[in-house]
Amino acid sequence: MNEYENLKKGEQGAWISICAYLVLSTVKLIVAHFGESQALRADGLNNVTDVVASLAVLIGLRISRKPPDKDHHYGHFRAETIGSLVAAFIMMTVGFEVLFQTGKQLLDGYENEPSMLTAWTALVAAFVMLGVYIYNLRLSKRINSQSLYAAAQDNRSDALVSIGAFIGIVGAQFGAFWLDPVAGLIVGIIICKTAYDIFRDASHALTDGVNEQLLDDIKNSIAEDPDVKIVDDVKARFHGNQILVDATIHVNPNLSVQESHDITDRIEEHLKEEHNITHTHIHIEPYR
């Protein structure tokens, strides 16, 4: 399965998230309104942002599938990462809104007892999102999709948010009315934390940040070739779900052009097998 087929496969995960969030957000907001639960309302608003965030991921995945053109010689793979960045901004905005509303209610004093229907709604939603999380996590690892992995982490946060809402609502049934808005406050914090994590990873990739351990692993893999005397320099950057590698190696200066070319071919094939790297540029220097 090539990178374009992988991106098309990733769209399935985005669509599953969108459908789940549309249903859950609608049900939660309706039940929260009649059941008077601030925690479930915050949870429902969280899912509304998730619909928009998942759409951003879906659009990013779709744009990433466009082949290279005269303006994008490396393709459009970074559109996937930009989609993750847009999703993070949307989630952070709603996270602050939830924090403001629930914080205001705590300061004003909140004494409403939510209906138990809101608690069961939150619990069922948690199990639904756990299922979506497991599916998207497995799919993101299989197709090596950064944005779908971020979406899966959001799915997991949503499941935890719903569990927190359930606990807060149940606590309110025993007279601890403040637990319901407190649960909503915690929901807001989780939304903001998830948004920050997605923003951090996406911005790190867009600024060509690469984990040092990955660079060390690539350098060691190149050094395994018997004809490589020295691995002088290794650079890498993410281009969506692709890794672009530039490396400088030193080889026997008496080798022919064809022999040197064969070495680079072997290294490129080895990196593809070991690290799923499909774009490698090797510069050869004479070993002295």
C-alpha atoms as a PDB file:
ATOM      1  CA  MET A   1       0.000   0.000   0.000  1.00  0.00           C
ATOM      2  CA  ASN A   2       1.645   3.301  -1.137  1.00  0.00           C
ATOM      3  CA  GLU A   3       1.365   6.633   0.666  1.00  0.00           C
ATOM      4  CA  TYR A   4      -1.629   7.827  -1.366  1.00  0.00           C
ATOM      5  CA  GLU A   5      -3.585   4.651  -0.661  1.00  0.00           C
ATOM      6  CA  ASN A   6      -2.693   5.040   3.023  1.00  0.00           C
ATOM      7  CA  LEU A   7      -4.127   8.561   3.075  1.00  0.00           C
ATOM      8  CA  LYS A   8      -7.332   7.353   1.429  1.00  0.00           C
ATOM      9  CA  LYS A   9      -7.582   4.624   4.066  1.00  0.00           C
ATOM     10  CA  GLY A  10      -7.118   7.257   6.776  1.00  0.00           C
ATOM     11  CA  GLU A  11     -10.203   9.107   5.571  1.00  0.00           C
ATOM     12  CA  GLN A  12     -12.316   6.175   6.786  1.00  0.00           C
ATOM     13  CA  GLY A  13     -11.164   6.815  10.358  1.00  0.00           C
ATOM     14  CA  ALA A  14     -11.966  10.524  10.032  1.00  0.00           C
ATOM     15  CA  TRP A  15     -15.469   9.752   8.747  1.00  0.00           C
ATOM     16  CA  ILE A  16     -16.126   7.319  11.605  1.00  0.00           C
ATOM     17  CA  SER A  17     -15.108  10.033  14.089  1.00  0.00           C
ATOM     18  CA  ILE A  18     -17.328  12.623  12.407  1.00  0.00           C
ATOM     19  CA  CYS A  19     -20.401  10.364  12.414  1.00  0.00           C
ATOM     20  CA  ALA A  20     -19.861   9.358  16.049  1.00  0.00           C
ATOM     21  CA  TYR A  21     -19.376  12.960  17.171  1.00  0.00           C
ATOM     22  CA  LEU A  22     -22.433  14.216  15.284  1.00  0.00           C
ATOM     23  CA  VAL A  23     -24.691  11.662  16.959  1.00  0.00           C
ATOM     24  CA  LEU A  24     -23.145  11.977  20.430  1.00  0.00           C
ATOM     25  CA  SER A  25     -23.011  15.787  20.498  1.00  0.00           C
ATOM     26  CA  THR A  26     -26.665  16.041  19.466  1.00  0.00           C
ATOM     27  CA  VAL A  27     -27.830  13.498  22.056  1.00  0.00           C
ATOM     28  CA  LYS A  28     -25.673  14.969  24.841  1.00  0.00           C
ATOM     29  CA  LEU A  29     -26.769  18.576  24.319  1.00  0.00           C
ATOM     30  CA  ILE A  30     -30.456  17.631  24.183  1.00  0.00           C
ATOM     31  CA  VAL A  31     -30.262  15.393  27.267  1.00  0.00           C
ATOM     32  CA  ALA A  32     -28.117  17.964  29.120  1.00  0.00           C
ATOM     33  CA  HIS A  33     -30.658  20.698  28.429  1.00  0.00           C
ATOM     34  CA  PHE A  34     -33.610  18.757  29.828  1.00  0.00           C
ATOM     35  CA  GLY A  35     -31.565  16.952  32.495  1.00  0.00           C
ATOM     36  CA  GLU A  36     -29.839  20.167  33.689  1.00  0.00           C
ATOM     37  CA  SER A  37     -26.269  18.871  33.698  1.00  0.00           C
ATOM     38  CA  GLN A  38     -23.384  21.284  33.111  1.00  0.00           C
ATOM     39  CA  ALA A  39     -20.899  18.425  32.887  1.00  0.00           C
ATOM     40  CA  LEU A  40     -22.818  16.730  30.073  1.00  0.00           C
ATOM     41  CA  ARG A  41     -23.327  20.098  28.355  1.00  0.00           C
ATOM     42  CA  ALA A  42     -19.572  20.704  28.415  1.00  0.00           C
ATOM     43  CA  ASP A  43     -19.032  17.173  27.113  1.00  0.00           C
ATOM     44  CA  GLY A  44     -21.501  17.804  24.284  1.00  0.00           C
ATOM     45  CA  LEU A  45     -19.804  21.093  23.332  1.00  0.00           C
ATOM     46  CA  ASN A  46     -16.519  19.227  23.341  1.00  0.00           C
ATOM     47  CA  ASN A  47     -17.947  16.805  20.773  1.00  0.00           C
ATOM     48  CA  VAL A  48     -19.172  19.720  18.634  1.00  0.00           C
ATOM     49  CA  THR A  49     -15.575  20.960  18.390  1.00  0.00           C
ATOM     50  CA  ASP A  50     -14.508  17.417  17.615  1.00  0.00           C
ATOM     51  CA  VAL A  51     -16.805  17.390  14.579  1.00  0.00           C
ATOM     52  CA  VAL A  52     -15.068  20.504  13.231  1.00  0.00           C
ATOM     53  CA  ALA A  53     -11.635  19.163  14.180  1.00  0.00           C
ATOM     54  CA  SER A  54     -12.322  15.837  12.458  1.00  0.00           C
ATOM     55  CA  LEU A  55     -13.480  17.717   9.354  1.00  0.00           C
ATOM     56  CA  ALA A  56     -10.175  19.630   9.388  1.00  0.00           C
ATOM     57  CA  VAL A  57      -8.297  16.307   9.585  1.00  0.00           C
ATOM     58  CA  LEU A  58     -10.433  14.885   6.760  1.00  0.00           C
ATOM     59  CA  ILE A  59      -9.778  17.909   4.526  1.00  0.00           C
ATOM     60  CA  GLY A  60      -6.070  17.702   5.308  1.00  0.00           C
ATOM     61  CA  LEU A  61      -5.978  14.014   4.400  1.00  0.00           C
ATOM     62  CA  ARG A  62      -7.835  14.681   1.152  1.00  0.00           C
ATOM     63  CA  ILE A  63      -5.544  17.541   0.110  1.00  0.00           C
ATOM     64  CA  SER A  64      -2.517  15.405   0.995  1.00  0.00           C
ATOM     65  CA  ARG A  65      -3.602  12.884  -1.635  1.00  0.00           C
ATOM     66  CA  LYS A  66      -3.044  15.405  -4.433  1.00  0.00           C
ATOM     67  CA  PRO A  67      -0.030  14.368  -6.532  1.00  0.00           C
ATOM     68  CA  PRO A  68       3.039  16.621  -6.963  1.00  0.00           C
ATOM     69  CA  ASP A  69       2.605  19.617  -9.271  1.00  0.00           C
ATOM     70  CA  LYS A  70       4.702  22.555 -10.502  1.00  0.00           C
ATOM     71  CA  ASP A  71       4.243  24.385  -7.165  1.00  0.00           C
ATOM     72  CA  HIS A  72       4.620  21.364  -4.853  1.00  0.00           C
ATOM     73  CA  HIS A  73       7.387  19.108  -6.118  1.00  0.00           C
ATOM     74  CA  TYR A  74       7.279  16.985  -2.962  1.00  0.00           C
ATOM     75  CA  GLY A  75       3.506  16.606  -3.053  1.00  0.00           C
ATOM     76  CA  HIS A  76       0.938  18.023  -0.604  1.00  0.00           C
ATOM     77  CA  PHE A  77       1.552  15.737   2.384  1.00  0.00           C
ATOM     78  CA  ARG A  78       1.980  18.587   4.868  1.00  0.00           C
ATOM     79  CA  ALA A  79      -1.683  19.530   4.416  1.00  0.00           C
ATOM     80  CA  GLU A  80      -2.385  16.639   6.797  1.00  0.00           C
ATOM     81  CA  THR A  81      -0.254  18.283   9.496  1.00  0.00           C
ATOM     82  CA  ILE A  82      -1.884  21.666   8.876  1.00  0.00           C
ATOM     83  CA  GLY A  83      -5.242  19.960   9.409  1.00  0.00           C
ATOM     84  CA  SER A  84      -4.048  18.837  12.840  1.00  0.00           C
ATOM     85  CA  LEU A  85      -2.965  22.410  13.623  1.00  0.00           C
ATOM     86  CA  VAL A  86      -6.375  23.838  12.670  1.00  0.00           C
ATOM     87  CA  ALA A  87      -8.071  21.187  14.813  1.00  0.00           C
ATOM     88  CA  ALA A  88      -5.924  22.213  17.796  1.00  0.00           C
ATOM     89  CA  PHE A  89      -6.941  25.888  17.511  1.00  0.00           C
ATOM     90  CA  ILE A  90     -10.633  24.988  17.316  1.00  0.00           C
ATOM     91  CA  MET A  91     -10.414  22.706  20.356  1.00  0.00           C
ATOM     92  CA  MET A  92      -8.518  25.293  22.404  1.00  0.00           C
ATOM     93  CA  THR A  93     -11.157  27.974  21.691  1.00  0.00           C
ATOM     94  CA  VAL A  94     -14.003  25.787  22.933  1.00  0.00           C
ATOM     95  CA  GLY A  95     -11.914  24.567  25.872  1.00  0.00           C
ATOM     96  CA  PHE A  96     -11.563  28.153  27.110  1.00  0.00           C
ATOM     97  CA  GLU A  97     -15.311  28.724  26.647  1.00  0.00           C
ATOM     98  CA  VAL A  98     -16.113  25.654  28.770  1.00  0.00           C
ATOM     99  CA  LEU A  99     -13.656  26.783  31.471  1.00  0.00           C
ATOM    100  CA  PHE A 100     -15.218  30.245  31.570  1.00  0.00           C
ATOM    101  CA  GLN A 101     -18.825  29.028  31.799  1.00  0.00           C
ATOM    102  CA  THR A 102     -18.249  26.309  34.424  1.00  0.00           C
ATOM    103  CA  GLY A 103     -15.905  28.519  36.449  1.00  0.00           C
ATOM    104  CA  LYS A 104     -18.541  31.269  36.530  1.00  0.00           C
ATOM    105  CA  GLN A 105     -21.171  28.800  37.783  1.00  0.00           C
ATOM    106  CA  LEU A 106     -18.871  27.576  40.564  1.00  0.00           C
ATOM    107  CA  LEU A 107     -18.281  31.150  41.736  1.00  0.00           C
ATOM    108  CA  ASP A 108     -22.001  31.985  41.595  1.00  0.00           C
ATOM    109  CA  GLY A 109     -22.984  28.829  43.452  1.00  0.00           C
ATOM    110  CA  TYR A 110     -24.587  25.883  41.653  1.00  0.00           C
ATOM    111  CA  GLU A 111     -27.314  23.857  43.349  1.00  0.00           C
ATOM    112  CA  ASN A 112     -29.136  22.053  40.546  1.00  0.00           C
ATOM    113  CA  GLU A 113     -29.417  18.265  40.740  1.00  0.00           C
ATOM    114  CA  PRO A 114     -28.985  16.772  37.246  1.00  0.00           C
ATOM    115  CA  SER A 115     -31.106  13.865  36.074  1.00  0.00           C
ATOM    116  CA  MET A 116     -29.586  10.359  36.203  1.00  0.00           C
ATOM    117  CA  LEU A 117     -30.418  10.072  32.507  1.00  0.00           C
ATOM    118  CA  THR A 118     -27.544  12.485  31.867  1.00  0.00           C
ATOM    119  CA  ALA A 119     -25.184  10.170  33.761  1.00  0.00           C
ATOM    120  CA  TRP A 120     -26.150   7.083  31.730  1.00  0.00           C
ATOM    121  CA  THR A 121     -25.858   9.101  28.519  1.00  0.00           C
ATOM    122  CA  ALA A 122     -22.291  10.062  29.439  1.00  0.00           C
ATOM    123  CA  LEU A 123     -21.361   6.479  30.311  1.00  0.00           C
ATOM    124  CA  VAL A 124     -22.696   5.022  27.044  1.00  0.00           C
ATOM    125  CA  ALA A 125     -20.906   7.758  25.101  1.00  0.00           C
ATOM    126  CA  ALA A 126     -17.638   6.852  26.860  1.00  0.00           C
ATOM    127  CA  PHE A 127     -17.818   3.260  25.627  1.00  0.00           C
ATOM    128  CA  VAL A 128     -18.671   4.400  22.090  1.00  0.00           C
ATOM    129  CA  MET A 129     -15.645   6.700  21.983  1.00  0.00           C
ATOM    130  CA  LEU A 130     -13.351   4.000  23.386  1.00  0.00           C
ATOM    131  CA  GLY A 131     -14.346   1.837  20.434  1.00  0.00           C
ATOM    132  CA  VAL A 132     -13.655   4.677  17.971  1.00  0.00           C
ATOM    133  CA  TYR A 133     -10.310   5.352  19.703  1.00  0.00           C
ATOM    134  CA  ILE A 134      -9.149   1.743  19.372  1.00  0.00           C
ATOM    135  CA  TYR A 135     -10.118   1.645  15.681  1.00  0.00           C
ATOM    136  CA  ASN A 136      -8.402   4.941  14.787  1.00  0.00           C
ATOM    137  CA  LEU A 137      -5.295   4.165  16.839  1.00  0.00           C
ATOM    138  CA  ARG A 138      -4.754   0.859  15.040  1.00  0.00           C
ATOM    139  CA  LEU A 139      -5.448   2.441  11.659  1.00  0.00           C
ATOM    140  CA  SER A 140      -3.103   5.391  12.307  1.00  0.00           C
ATOM    141  CA  LYS A 141      -0.235   3.038  13.168  1.00  0.00           C
ATOM    142  CA  ARG A 142      -0.923   0.842  10.157  1.00  0.00           C
ATOM    143  CA  ILE A 143      -0.880   3.747   7.682  1.00  0.00           C
ATOM    144  CA  ASN A 144       1.575   5.954   9.647  1.00  0.00           C
ATOM    145  CA  SER A 145      -0.775   8.963   9.786  1.00  0.00           C
ATOM    146  CA  GLN A 146       0.123  11.767  12.197  1.00  0.00           C
ATOM    147  CA  SER A 147      -3.232  13.532  11.948  1.00  0.00           C
ATOM    148  CA  LEU A 148      -5.243  10.333  12.431  1.00  0.00           C
ATOM    149  CA  TYR A 149      -3.069   9.472  15.445  1.00  0.00           C
ATOM    150  CA  ALA A 150      -3.867  12.928  16.869  1.00  0.00           C
ATOM    151  CA  ALA A 151      -7.555  12.270  16.195  1.00  0.00           C
ATOM    152  CA  ALA A 152      -7.279   8.944  18.042  1.00  0.00           C
ATOM    153  CA  GLN A 153      -5.775  10.689  21.065  1.00  0.00           C
ATOM    154  CA  ASP A 154      -8.692  13.114  20.956  1.00  0.00           C
ATOM    155  CA  ASN A 155     -11.077  10.130  20.854  1.00  0.00           C
ATOM    156  CA  ARG A 156      -9.463   8.760  24.017  1.00  0.00           C
ATOM    157  CA  SER A 157      -9.702  12.137  25.757  1.00  0.00           C
ATOM    158  CA  ASP A 158     -13.379  12.297  24.860  1.00  0.00           C
ATOM    159  CA  ALA A 159     -13.987   8.893  26.428  1.00  0.00           C
ATOM    160  CA  LEU A 160     -12.231  10.035  29.618  1.00  0.00           C
ATOM    161  CA  VAL A 161     -14.196  13.293  29.575  1.00  0.00           C
ATOM    162  CA  SER A 162     -17.474  11.362  29.424  1.00  0.00           C
ATOM    163  CA  ILE A 163     -16.384   9.136  32.309  1.00  0.00           C
ATOM    164  CA  GLY A 164     -15.540  12.250  34.320  1.00  0.00           C
ATOM    165  CA  ALA A 165     -18.943  13.734  33.524  1.00  0.00           C
ATOM    166  CA  PHE A 166     -20.593  10.489  34.673  1.00  0.00           C
ATOM    167  CA  ILE A 167     -18.749  10.601  38.006  1.00  0.00           C
ATOM    168  CA  GLY A 168     -19.625  14.270  38.556  1.00  0.00           C
ATOM    169  CA  ILE A 169     -23.317  13.728  37.805  1.00  0.00           C
ATOM    170  CA  VAL A 170     -23.543  10.677  40.080  1.00  0.00           C
ATOM    171  CA  GLY A 171     -21.859  12.650  42.864  1.00  0.00           C
ATOM    172  CA  ALA A 172     -24.438  15.401  42.485  1.00  0.00           C
ATOM    173  CA  GLN A 173     -27.182  12.844  43.203  1.00  0.00           C
ATOM    174  CA  PHE A 174     -25.848  12.567  46.763  1.00  0.00           C
ATOM    175  CA  GLY A 175     -26.056  16.282  47.479  1.00  0.00           C
ATOM    176  CA  ALA A 176     -22.617  17.304  46.208  1.00  0.00           C
ATOM    177  CA  PHE A 177     -24.128  19.629  43.586  1.00  0.00           C
ATOM    178  CA  TRP A 178     -20.772  21.319  42.990  1.00  0.00           C
ATOM    179  CA  LEU A 179     -19.416  18.087  41.510  1.00  0.00           C
ATOM    180  CA  ASP A 180     -21.380  18.594  38.283  1.00  0.00           C
ATOM    181  CA  PRO A 181     -19.800  21.977  37.347  1.00  0.00           C
ATOM    182  CA  VAL A 182     -16.436  20.768  38.694  1.00  0.00           C
ATOM    183  CA  ALA A 183     -16.647  17.831  36.275  1.00  0.00           C
ATOM    184  CA  GLY A 184     -17.398  20.366  33.521  1.00  0.00           C
ATOM    185  CA  LEU A 185     -14.356  22.374  34.592  1.00  0.00           C
ATOM    186  CA  ILE A 186     -12.167  19.270  34.374  1.00  0.00           C
ATOM    187  CA  VAL A 187     -13.605  18.613  30.909  1.00  0.00           C
ATOM    188  CA  GLY A 188     -12.465  22.077  29.848  1.00  0.00           C
ATOM    189  CA  ILE A 189      -8.952  21.447  31.182  1.00  0.00           C
ATOM    190  CA  ILE A 190      -8.739  18.131  29.311  1.00  0.00           C
ATOM    191  CA  ILE A 191      -9.905  19.811  26.086  1.00  0.00           C
ATOM    192  CA  CYS A 192      -7.205  22.477  26.407  1.00  0.00           C
ATOM    193  CA  LYS A 193      -4.513  19.929  27.288  1.00  0.00           C
ATOM    194  CA  THR A 194      -5.396  17.738  24.290  1.00  0.00           C
ATOM    195  CA  ALA A 195      -5.422  20.796  22.002  1.00  0.00           C
ATOM    196  CA  TYR A 196      -1.988  21.844  23.286  1.00  0.00           C
ATOM    197  CA  ASP A 197      -0.504  18.373  22.706  1.00  0.00           C
ATOM    198  CA  ILE A 198      -1.805  18.275  19.126  1.00  0.00           C
ATOM    199  CA  PHE A 199      -0.550  21.835  18.497  1.00  0.00           C
ATOM    200  CA  ARG A 200       2.891  20.998  19.919  1.00  0.00           C
ATOM    201  CA  ASP A 201       3.350  17.896  17.756  1.00  0.00           C
ATOM    202  CA  ALA A 202       2.023  19.545  14.580  1.00  0.00           C
ATOM    203  CA  SER A 203       4.110  22.722  14.982  1.00  0.00           C
ATOM    204  CA  HIS A 204       7.199  20.614  15.765  1.00  0.00           C
ATOM    205  CA  ALA A 205       6.737  18.702  12.510  1.00  0.00           C
ATOM    206  CA  LEU A 206       6.017  21.834  10.463  1.00  0.00           C
ATOM    207  CA  THR A 207       9.230  23.458  11.717  1.00  0.00           C
ATOM    208  CA  ASP A 208      11.211  20.364  10.646  1.00  0.00           C
ATOM    209  CA  GLY A 209      11.663  19.084  14.174  1.00  0.00           C
ATOM    210  CA  VAL A 210      12.724  15.434  14.401  1.00  0.00           C
ATOM    211  CA  ASN A 211      13.261  13.176  17.393  1.00  0.00           C
ATOM    212  CA  GLU A 212      16.999  12.713  18.041  1.00  0.00           C
ATOM    213  CA  GLN A 213      16.548   8.997  18.639  1.00  0.00           C
ATOM    214  CA  LEU A 214      15.101   8.619  15.132  1.00  0.00           C
ATOM    215  CA  LEU A 215      18.149  10.375  13.665  1.00  0.00           C
ATOM    216  CA  ASP A 216      20.461   8.068  15.620  1.00  0.00           C
ATOM    217  CA  ASP A 217      18.554   5.001  14.399  1.00  0.00           C
ATOM    218  CA  ILE A 218      18.785   6.179  10.776  1.00  0.00           C
ATOM    219  CA  LYS A 219      22.509   6.897  11.144  1.00  0.00           C
ATOM    220  CA  ASN A 220      23.136   3.443  12.625  1.00  0.00           C
ATOM    221  CA  SER A 221      21.175   1.792   9.816  1.00  0.00           C
ATOM    222  CA  ILE A 222      23.259   3.588   7.185  1.00  0.00           C
ATOM    223  CA  ALA A 223      26.478   2.612   8.994  1.00  0.00           C
ATOM    224  CA  GLU A 224      25.519  -1.069   8.720  1.00  0.00           C
ATOM    225  CA  ASP A 225      26.403  -1.089   5.017  1.00  0.00           C
ATOM    226  CA  PRO A 226      29.867  -2.722   4.700  1.00  0.00           C
ATOM    227  CA  ASP A 227      31.085  -0.187   2.111  1.00  0.00           C
ATOM    228  CA  VAL A 228      30.262   2.873   4.229  1.00  0.00           C
ATOM    229  CA  LYS A 229      33.419   4.069   5.990  1.00  0.00           C
ATOM    230  CA  ILE A 230      31.928   7.087   7.789  1.00  0.00           C
ATOM    231  CA  VAL A 231      28.433   8.489   8.149  1.00  0.00           C
ATOM    232  CA  ASP A 232      29.304  12.167   8.199  1.00  0.00           C
ATOM    233  CA  ASP A 233      25.913  13.828   8.502  1.00  0.00           C
ATOM    234  CA  VAL A 234      22.240  12.840   8.687  1.00  0.00           C
ATOM    235  CA  LYS A 235      19.300  15.239   8.456  1.00  0.00           C
ATOM    236  CA  ALA A 236      15.599  14.420   8.377  1.00  0.00           C
ATOM    237  CA  ARG A 237      12.267  16.212   8.327  1.00  0.00           C
ATOM    238  CA  PHE A 238       8.627  15.208   8.277  1.00  0.00           C
ATOM    239  CA  HIS A 239       6.517  15.896   5.218  1.00  0.00           C
ATOM    240  CA  GLY A 240       3.069  14.862   6.404  1.00  0.00           C
ATOM    241  CA  ASN A 241       3.335  11.149   7.088  1.00  0.00           C
ATOM    242  CA  GLN A 242       6.545  10.887   5.071  1.00  0.00           C
ATOM    243  CA  ILE A 243      10.138  11.232   6.328  1.00  0.00           C
ATOM    244  CA  LEU A 244      12.638  12.960   4.037  1.00  0.00           C
ATOM    245  CA  VAL A 245      16.276  12.074   4.745  1.00  0.00           C
ATOM    246  CA  ASP A 246      19.542  13.689   3.587  1.00  0.00           C
ATOM    247  CA  ALA A 247      22.807  11.976   4.464  1.00  0.00           C
ATOM    248  CA  THR A 248      26.496  12.345   3.668  1.00  0.00           C
ATOM    249  CA  ILE A 249      28.668   9.221   3.653  1.00  0.00           C
ATOM    250  CA  HIS A 250      32.351   8.524   2.978  1.00  0.00           C
ATOM    251  CA  VAL A 251      33.346   5.564   0.811  1.00  0.00           C
ATOM    252  CA  ASN A 252      36.478   4.156  -0.826  1.00  0.00           C
ATOM    253  CA  PRO A 253      37.658   6.856  -3.292  1.00  0.00           C
ATOM    254  CA  ASN A 254      38.713   4.181  -5.817  1.00  0.00           C
ATOM    255  CA  LEU A 255      35.154   2.935  -6.365  1.00  0.00           C
ATOM    256  CA  SER A 256      33.564   3.560  -9.745  1.00  0.00           C
ATOM    257  CA  VAL A 257      30.512   5.755 -10.190  1.00  0.00           C
ATOM    258  CA  GLN A 258      28.401   2.634 -10.711  1.00  0.00           C
ATOM    259  CA  GLU A 259      29.707   0.997  -7.526  1.00  0.00           C
ATOM    260  CA  SER A 260      29.016   4.153  -5.522  1.00  0.00           C
ATOM    261  CA  HIS A 261      25.546   4.331  -7.015  1.00  0.00           C
ATOM    262  CA  ASP A 262      24.898   0.717  -5.982  1.00  0.00           C
ATOM    263  CA  ILE A 263      25.813   1.620  -2.387  1.00  0.00           C
ATOM    264  CA  THR A 264      23.243   4.416  -2.303  1.00  0.00           C
ATOM    265  CA  ASP A 265      20.621   2.074  -3.758  1.00  0.00           C
ATOM    266  CA  ARG A 266      21.312  -0.475  -1.023  1.00  0.00           C
ATOM    267  CA  ILE A 267      21.088   2.178   1.701  1.00  0.00           C
ATOM    268  CA  GLU A 268      17.815   3.556   0.341  1.00  0.00           C
ATOM    269  CA  GLU A 269      16.286   0.084   0.212  1.00  0.00           C
ATOM    270  CA  HIS A 270      17.533  -0.708   3.718  1.00  0.00           C
ATOM    271  CA  LEU A 271      16.041   2.499   5.164  1.00  0.00           C
ATOM    272  CA  LYS A 272      12.756   1.714   3.448  1.00  0.00           C
ATOM    273  CA  GLU A 273      12.638  -1.752   5.014  1.00  0.00           C
ATOM    274  CA  GLU A 274      13.846  -0.710   8.484  1.00  0.00           C
ATOM    275  CA  HIS A 275      12.129   2.676   8.954  1.00  0.00           C
ATOM    276  CA  ASN A 276       9.585   2.947   6.118  1.00  0.00           C
ATOM    277  CA  ILE A 277      11.542   5.879   4.652  1.00  0.00           C
ATOM    278  CA  THR A 278      10.734   6.279   0.957  1.00  0.00           C
ATOM    279  CA  HIS A 279      12.584   9.549   0.230  1.00  0.00           C
ATOM    280  CA  THR A 280      16.360   9.478   0.826  1.00  0.00           C
ATOM    281  CA  HIS A 281      19.100  11.602  -0.721  1.00  0.00           C
ATOM    282  CA  ILE A 282      22.653  10.268  -0.233  1.00  0.00           C
ATOM    283  CA  HIS A 283      25.694  12.463  -0.910  1.00  0.00           C
ATOM    284  CA  ILE A 284      28.960  10.555  -1.356  1.00  0.00           C
ATOM    285  CA  GLU A 285      32.397  11.833  -0.304  1.00  0.00           C
ATOM    286  CA  PRO A 286      35.787  10.099  -0.766  1.00  0.00           C
ATOM    287  CA  TYR A 287      37.129   8.492   2.390  1.00  0.00           C
ATOM    288  CA  ARG A 288      40.610   9.727   3.379  1.00  0.00           C
END
